[in-house]
Amino acid sequence: MTKKDDSESADDSGLESAGAALAAVAAKHAQQAVESAKGLVAGANLDEVGARAAETASNLYRGGRDLIANNEDLSQAAENLSAAVRKNPLAAVGLAFSAGLLLALLVRG
């Protein structure tokens, strides 16, 4: 194995751990949003549910953006993830589709 292969392997493992950290944070926030939505749907009208869902999505987006901006490790992970997506765009689309499908199945069932 060459020195270049070792550095690429280290980059990939760092990217995987950073991606796992981002995924864990996103999963936690998504679970909170799902629980909040379930409570709203149980006894509210659809207009109120839609307004609160939009507000919650906006808050989650801002919170995630601020979290990444204020944390050095997450900032580096976001940069590494961006580089990996540029390097392998088709794999990234497949992974995003799979994650979305899994999330949809979890929320639905």
N, C-alpha and C. Protein backbone atom coordinates (compact mmCIF):
# COMPACT_ATOMS: atom_id res chain seq x y z
N MET A 1 0.85 -1.17 0.00
CA MET A 1 0.00 0.00 0.00
C MET A 1 0.90 1.24 0.00
N THR A 2 0.60 2.19 -0.81
CA THR A 2 1.43 3.38 -0.93
C THR A 2 1.02 4.42 0.10
N LYS A 3 1.87 5.44 0.22
CA LYS A 3 1.58 6.53 1.14
C LYS A 3 0.28 7.24 0.74
N LYS A 4 0.03 7.39 -0.56
CA LYS A 4 -1.20 8.03 -1.05
C LYS A 4 -2.43 7.22 -0.66
N ASP A 5 -2.34 5.87 -0.79
CA ASP A 5 -3.45 5.01 -0.41
C ASP A 5 -3.74 5.13 1.09
N ASP A 6 -2.67 5.20 1.91
CA ASP A 6 -2.86 5.35 3.35
C ASP A 6 -3.57 6.65 3.69
N SER A 7 -3.18 7.75 3.02
CA SER A 7 -3.80 9.03 3.32
C SER A 7 -5.25 9.05 2.85
N GLU A 8 -5.54 8.42 1.70
CA GLU A 8 -6.93 8.35 1.23
C GLU A 8 -7.77 7.50 2.16
N SER A 9 -7.19 6.41 2.69
CA SER A 9 -7.91 5.56 3.62
C SER A 9 -8.21 6.31 4.91
N ALA A 10 -7.23 7.09 5.40
CA ALA A 10 -7.44 7.88 6.61
C ALA A 10 -8.50 8.94 6.37
N ASP A 11 -8.47 9.57 5.18
CA ASP A 11 -9.48 10.58 4.86
C ASP A 11 -10.87 9.96 4.82
N ASP A 12 -10.96 8.77 4.22
CA ASP A 12 -12.25 8.09 4.13
C ASP A 12 -12.78 7.70 5.50
N SER A 13 -11.91 7.20 6.39
CA SER A 13 -12.38 6.82 7.72
C SER A 13 -12.76 8.05 8.53
N GLY A 14 -12.03 9.14 8.37
CA GLY A 14 -12.40 10.39 9.03
C GLY A 14 -13.71 10.91 8.51
N LEU A 15 -13.90 10.79 7.21
CA LEU A 15 -15.15 11.23 6.58
C LEU A 15 -16.32 10.39 7.07
N GLU A 16 -16.09 9.08 7.20
CA GLU A 16 -17.15 8.21 7.67
C GLU A 16 -17.55 8.55 9.10
N SER A 17 -16.55 8.79 9.98
CA SER A 17 -16.88 9.12 11.36
C SER A 17 -17.54 10.49 11.46
N ALA A 18 -17.10 11.44 10.65
CA ALA A 18 -17.73 12.76 10.65
C ALA A 18 -19.15 12.65 10.10
N GLY A 19 -19.31 11.86 9.05
CA GLY A 19 -20.65 11.65 8.49
C GLY A 19 -21.57 10.98 9.49
N ALA A 20 -21.02 10.04 10.26
CA ALA A 20 -21.82 9.37 11.28
C ALA A 20 -22.25 10.35 12.36
N ALA A 21 -21.35 11.26 12.73
CA ALA A 21 -21.69 12.26 13.74
C ALA A 21 -22.78 13.18 13.23
N LEU A 22 -22.67 13.63 11.98
CA LEU A 22 -23.70 14.48 11.40
C LEU A 22 -25.02 13.74 11.29
N ALA A 23 -24.96 12.47 10.91
CA ALA A 23 -26.17 11.68 10.78
C ALA A 23 -26.85 11.49 12.14
N ALA A 24 -26.06 11.30 13.20
CA ALA A 24 -26.62 11.13 14.53
C ALA A 24 -27.33 12.40 14.99
N VAL A 25 -26.70 13.54 14.73
CA VAL A 25 -27.33 14.82 15.11
C VAL A 25 -28.61 15.03 14.30
N ALA A 26 -28.55 14.77 13.01
CA ALA A 26 -29.73 14.93 12.16
C ALA A 26 -30.84 13.97 12.58
N ALA A 27 -30.48 12.74 12.91
CA ALA A 27 -31.48 11.76 13.34
C ALA A 27 -32.16 12.19 14.63
N LYS A 28 -31.38 12.74 15.55
CA LYS A 28 -31.95 13.21 16.81
C LYS A 28 -32.95 14.32 16.57
N HIS A 29 -32.57 15.28 15.74
CA HIS A 29 -33.47 16.39 15.44
C HIS A 29 -34.70 15.92 14.66
N ALA A 30 -34.50 14.99 13.76
CA ALA A 30 -35.63 14.47 12.98
C ALA A 30 -36.60 13.72 13.89
N GLN A 31 -36.07 12.96 14.82
CA GLN A 31 -36.94 12.23 15.75
C GLN A 31 -37.74 13.20 16.61
N GLN A 32 -37.10 14.28 17.05
CA GLN A 32 -37.81 15.29 17.83
C GLN A 32 -38.91 15.93 16.99
N ALA A 33 -38.62 16.20 15.73
CA ALA A 33 -39.61 16.81 14.85
C ALA A 33 -40.78 15.86 14.62
N VAL A 34 -40.49 14.57 14.45
CA VAL A 34 -41.56 13.59 14.24
C VAL A 34 -42.45 13.49 15.48
N GLU A 35 -41.84 13.46 16.65
CA GLU A 35 -42.63 13.38 17.88
C GLU A 35 -43.50 14.63 18.04
N SER A 36 -42.93 15.78 17.73
CA SER A 36 -43.69 17.03 17.80
C SER A 36 -44.85 17.01 16.82
N ALA A 37 -44.60 16.52 15.61
CA ALA A 37 -45.65 16.46 14.58
C ALA A 37 -46.76 15.50 14.99
N LYS A 38 -46.41 14.38 15.60
CA LYS A 38 -47.43 13.42 16.04
C LYS A 38 -48.36 14.06 17.08
N GLY A 39 -47.77 14.83 17.99
CA GLY A 39 -48.58 15.51 18.99
C GLY A 39 -49.50 16.54 18.38
N LEU A 40 -49.00 17.25 17.38
CA LEU A 40 -49.82 18.28 16.72
C LEU A 40 -50.98 17.67 15.94
N VAL A 41 -50.70 16.60 15.24
CA VAL A 41 -51.72 15.99 14.38
C VAL A 41 -52.85 15.39 15.21
N ALA A 42 -52.53 14.96 16.41
CA ALA A 42 -53.54 14.30 17.24
C ALA A 42 -54.74 15.20 17.54
N GLY A 43 -54.53 16.51 17.74
CA GLY A 43 -55.67 17.33 18.11
C GLY A 43 -55.69 18.72 17.50
N ALA A 44 -55.21 18.88 16.29
CA ALA A 44 -55.16 20.22 15.70
C ALA A 44 -55.70 20.19 14.28
N ASN A 45 -55.99 21.38 13.76
CA ASN A 45 -56.44 21.43 12.37
C ASN A 45 -55.21 21.47 11.44
N LEU A 46 -55.41 21.20 10.18
CA LEU A 46 -54.30 21.04 9.25
C LEU A 46 -53.56 22.35 8.97
N ASP A 47 -54.24 23.48 9.01
CA ASP A 47 -53.56 24.76 8.80
C ASP A 47 -52.55 25.03 9.90
N GLU A 48 -52.96 24.75 11.13
CA GLU A 48 -52.05 24.94 12.27
C GLU A 48 -50.88 23.97 12.19
N VAL A 49 -51.16 22.74 11.80
CA VAL A 49 -50.10 21.74 11.66
C VAL A 49 -49.10 22.19 10.59
N GLY A 50 -49.60 22.67 9.46
CA GLY A 50 -48.71 23.13 8.39
C GLY A 50 -47.85 24.30 8.83
N ALA A 51 -48.44 25.24 9.53
CA ALA A 51 -47.69 26.41 10.00
C ALA A 51 -46.62 26.00 11.00
N ARG A 52 -46.96 25.13 11.91
CA ARG A 52 -45.97 24.68 12.90
C ARG A 52 -44.89 23.82 12.27
N ALA A 53 -45.26 23.02 11.28
CA ALA A 53 -44.25 22.19 10.60
C ALA A 53 -43.26 23.08 9.86
N ALA A 54 -43.75 24.12 9.20
CA ALA A 54 -42.85 25.04 8.50
C ALA A 54 -41.94 25.77 9.48
N GLU A 55 -42.49 26.17 10.61
CA GLU A 55 -41.69 26.85 11.64
C GLU A 55 -40.63 25.91 12.21
N THR A 56 -41.03 24.66 12.48
CA THR A 56 -40.08 23.68 13.02
C THR A 56 -38.98 23.38 12.02
N ALA A 57 -39.33 23.22 10.75
CA ALA A 57 -38.32 22.96 9.73
C ALA A 57 -37.34 24.12 9.63
N SER A 58 -37.85 25.32 9.68
CA SER A 58 -36.99 26.50 9.63
C SER A 58 -36.06 26.55 10.84
N ASN A 59 -36.60 26.26 12.02
CA ASN A 59 -35.78 26.25 13.23
C ASN A 59 -34.71 25.16 13.17
N LEU A 60 -35.08 23.99 12.67
CA LEU A 60 -34.10 22.90 12.55
C LEU A 60 -32.99 23.28 11.58
N TYR A 61 -33.35 23.90 10.46
CA TYR A 61 -32.35 24.31 9.48
C TYR A 61 -31.39 25.33 10.09
N ARG A 62 -31.95 26.34 10.75
CA ARG A 62 -31.10 27.37 11.37
C ARG A 62 -30.23 26.76 12.46
N GLY A 63 -30.81 25.89 13.27
CA GLY A 63 -30.04 25.26 14.35
C GLY A 63 -28.91 24.41 13.81
N GLY A 64 -29.17 23.65 12.76
CA GLY A 64 -28.12 22.83 12.15
C GLY A 64 -27.02 23.67 11.53
N ARG A 65 -27.43 24.73 10.85
CA ARG A 65 -26.45 25.64 10.25
C ARG A 65 -25.57 26.29 11.31
N ASP A 66 -26.18 26.73 12.40
CA ASP A 66 -25.42 27.34 13.50
C ASP A 66 -24.52 26.32 14.19
N LEU A 67 -25.02 25.10 14.36
CA LEU A 67 -24.23 24.04 14.98
C LEU A 67 -22.98 23.75 14.17
N ILE A 68 -23.13 23.65 12.86
CA ILE A 68 -21.99 23.39 12.00
C ILE A 68 -21.02 24.56 12.01
N ALA A 69 -21.54 25.77 11.97
CA ALA A 69 -20.68 26.96 11.93
C ALA A 69 -19.90 27.14 13.22
N ASN A 70 -20.47 26.75 14.36
CA ASN A 70 -19.83 26.99 15.65
C ASN A 70 -19.00 25.82 16.14
N ASN A 71 -18.93 24.73 15.43
CA ASN A 71 -18.18 23.56 15.88
C ASN A 71 -17.12 23.23 14.83
N GLU A 72 -15.86 23.27 15.25
CA GLU A 72 -14.73 23.04 14.34
C GLU A 72 -14.80 21.65 13.70
N ASP A 73 -15.09 20.63 14.51
CA ASP A 73 -15.14 19.26 13.98
C ASP A 73 -16.27 19.10 12.96
N LEU A 74 -17.42 19.66 13.27
CA LEU A 74 -18.54 19.55 12.34
C LEU A 74 -18.30 20.37 11.08
N SER A 75 -17.62 21.51 11.21
CA SER A 75 -17.28 22.30 10.03
C SER A 75 -16.36 21.50 9.11
N GLN A 76 -15.36 20.86 9.71
CA GLN A 76 -14.44 20.03 8.93
C GLN A 76 -15.18 18.85 8.31
N ALA A 77 -16.09 18.25 9.08
CA ALA A 77 -16.87 17.13 8.55
C ALA A 77 -17.73 17.57 7.38
N ALA A 78 -18.32 18.75 7.48
CA ALA A 78 -19.14 19.26 6.38
C ALA A 78 -18.28 19.48 5.13
N GLU A 79 -17.08 20.00 5.31
CA GLU A 79 -16.18 20.20 4.17
C GLU A 79 -15.78 18.86 3.56
N ASN A 80 -15.47 17.88 4.41
CA ASN A 80 -15.09 16.55 3.92
C ASN A 80 -16.26 15.89 3.19
N LEU A 81 -17.44 16.05 3.74
CA LEU A 81 -18.63 15.47 3.09
C LEU A 81 -18.87 16.11 1.74
N SER A 82 -18.71 17.42 1.68
CA SER A 82 -18.88 18.14 0.42
C SER A 82 -17.87 17.65 -0.62
N ALA A 83 -16.63 17.45 -0.18
CA ALA A 83 -15.60 16.95 -1.10
C ALA A 83 -15.94 15.53 -1.57
N ALA A 84 -16.44 14.70 -0.67
CA ALA A 84 -16.79 13.33 -1.04
C ALA A 84 -17.95 13.31 -2.04
N VAL A 85 -18.91 14.21 -1.87
CA VAL A 85 -20.03 14.29 -2.80
C VAL A 85 -19.55 14.72 -4.18
N ARG A 86 -18.62 15.68 -4.20
CA ARG A 86 -18.06 16.11 -5.50
C ARG A 86 -17.29 14.98 -6.17
N LYS A 87 -16.61 14.16 -5.34
CA LYS A 87 -15.80 13.06 -5.88
C LYS A 87 -16.69 11.92 -6.38
N ASN A 88 -17.80 11.65 -5.70
CA ASN A 88 -18.68 10.52 -6.05
C ASN A 88 -20.14 10.98 -6.05
N PRO A 89 -20.56 11.77 -7.04
CA PRO A 89 -21.92 12.31 -7.00
C PRO A 89 -23.02 11.26 -7.13
N LEU A 90 -22.80 10.25 -7.93
CA LEU A 90 -23.83 9.22 -8.11
C LEU A 90 -24.05 8.44 -6.82
N ALA A 91 -22.98 8.09 -6.14
CA ALA A 91 -23.09 7.38 -4.86
C ALA A 91 -23.80 8.26 -3.83
N ALA A 92 -23.52 9.55 -3.85
CA ALA A 92 -24.15 10.47 -2.90
C ALA A 92 -25.65 10.54 -3.15
N VAL A 93 -26.06 10.58 -4.39
CA VAL A 93 -27.49 10.62 -4.71
C VAL A 93 -28.16 9.32 -4.27
N GLY A 94 -27.51 8.21 -4.51
CA GLY A 94 -28.06 6.92 -4.08
C GLY A 94 -28.18 6.83 -2.57
N LEU A 95 -27.19 7.31 -1.86
CA LEU A 95 -27.22 7.30 -0.40
C LEU A 95 -28.32 8.22 0.12
N ALA A 96 -28.45 9.39 -0.46
CA ALA A 96 -29.48 10.34 -0.03
C ALA A 96 -30.87 9.76 -0.29
N PHE A 97 -31.05 9.12 -1.44
CA PHE A 97 -32.33 8.50 -1.76
C PHE A 97 -32.65 7.40 -0.76
N SER A 98 -31.67 6.56 -0.47
CA SER A 98 -31.86 5.46 0.48
C SER A 98 -32.20 5.98 1.87
N ALA A 99 -31.50 7.02 2.31
CA ALA A 99 -31.78 7.59 3.63
C ALA A 99 -33.18 8.19 3.67
N GLY A 100 -33.58 8.87 2.61
CA GLY A 100 -34.92 9.44 2.54
C GLY A 100 -35.99 8.37 2.56
N LEU A 101 -35.76 7.30 1.83
CA LEU A 101 -36.71 6.19 1.80
C LEU A 101 -36.82 5.55 3.18
N LEU A 102 -35.70 5.34 3.85
CA LEU A 102 -35.71 4.75 5.18
C LEU A 102 -36.45 5.66 6.16
N LEU A 103 -36.17 6.95 6.10
CA LEU A 103 -36.85 7.90 6.98
C LEU A 103 -38.36 7.91 6.71
N ALA A 104 -38.73 7.87 5.45
CA ALA A 104 -40.16 7.84 5.10
C ALA A 104 -40.83 6.59 5.65
N LEU A 105 -40.16 5.47 5.54
CA LEU A 105 -40.73 4.22 6.07
C LEU A 105 -40.84 4.26 7.59
N LEU A 106 -39.85 4.84 8.25
CA LEU A 106 -39.90 4.93 9.71
C LEU A 106 -41.01 5.85 10.18
N VAL A 107 -41.18 6.97 9.50
CA VAL A 107 -42.21 7.93 9.88
C VAL A 107 -43.59 7.37 9.61
N ARG A 108 -43.73 6.69 8.49
CA ARG A 108 -45.03 6.15 8.08
C ARG A 108 -45.48 5.01 8.98
N GLY A 109 -44.56 4.16 9.35
CA GLY A 109 -44.94 2.94 10.06
C GLY A 109 -44.85 3.07 11.50
